[in-house]
Amino acid sequence: MILAENISFALGKSSLLQRASFRFDKPEFVAVIGPNGAGKSTLLQLLSGFYKPTTGSVLINGKGTHLWSASEFAHFRAYLQQQQSVFESFTVEEVLMMGRTIHFASKLGLADRLLVNQTLIELGLVERKNQAFNHLSGGEQQRIQFARTLLQLKDPSSESLAGKTLFLDEPLNNLDLYYQYNLLQLARTNVVEKQGTVIAVLHDINMAYQFADRVIVLSNGNTICDAPTEEALHPELLSRVYGMHIQKHESEHRTAYFSASNALPQSAVSNRKESLLHY
């Protein structure tokens, strides 16, 4: 469980996140959305323990984030960053095995190798396992980094990921539409459906609508909404947040999608922050 109470974060005189409180205590897919500079990545860094809040506190499983050692943290919290290190001299299989390093003392066991092979199959990258990581396309590298992060949370002795959280910071970078869907589906089936939690920064409202159980909407460091997906992704609220006319289209088959057009007048955009705070 993650409990954040009255957290804020500032760098010098710049406030990146205003006071807010959040609770994550059940299996769910949480999408964090908002314009550039809204504080989305900052929030993930705070919730995952990489940043210490300027005010307030973050407890993970009842213990302050600063009290957990890195090795303890790694067993129940995995984080896919926006920018990843380039593994120049490693093969795809070796990069995936790095996700298992916290689970063994000296060398990989059979169970670890089976998990890695299973992940290669799920990603459709079995034929690439002996290829150099830096020879892959940007999209393939992103998928491998996602898989490495996911492997960190898996335990061969138990299917359950209860109490574990997968943090994804803009995981859809460099991916085409098929693999965007595929990655989020893997996150849902491998984490949420196994009693874990996914907290993901997403820019695609339609993907958030399709996969998220709950959406946190940020703007200018303020939490505008934290609610179930249907409530949070309201066209009027989204239009104010993004400064564009956003519409929701629903078909007779109960499917829905969002479209955006025509930026709002500058006068409306300039008053956006004040109106959002009173939404």
Foldseek 3Di string as FASTA:
>chain_A
DKWWAQFWAADVPRTQAGGDIDDDAWQFEEEEEFDPSQNQVVVLCPRLLVDPTPDTFMDQPRHTSVPDDPLRSLQFEFEDDPDDDFPQADFLLVLLLLLCVSPDDPDDDPLSSVLSCVLCVLVVNNVRRRPGLVVDAPQVNLSSSLNSRLSSHDDSVDQASASHEYEEEASCPPHDPVVVLSSLVCCCVSASVRIHYYYYYYHALQVCLVGGQWYFYGANNYTLDTGGSVVVPDQVLVCLRVQWRKDWDADPVGDIHIDTDDGHPPVSNVCSVVVSVVD
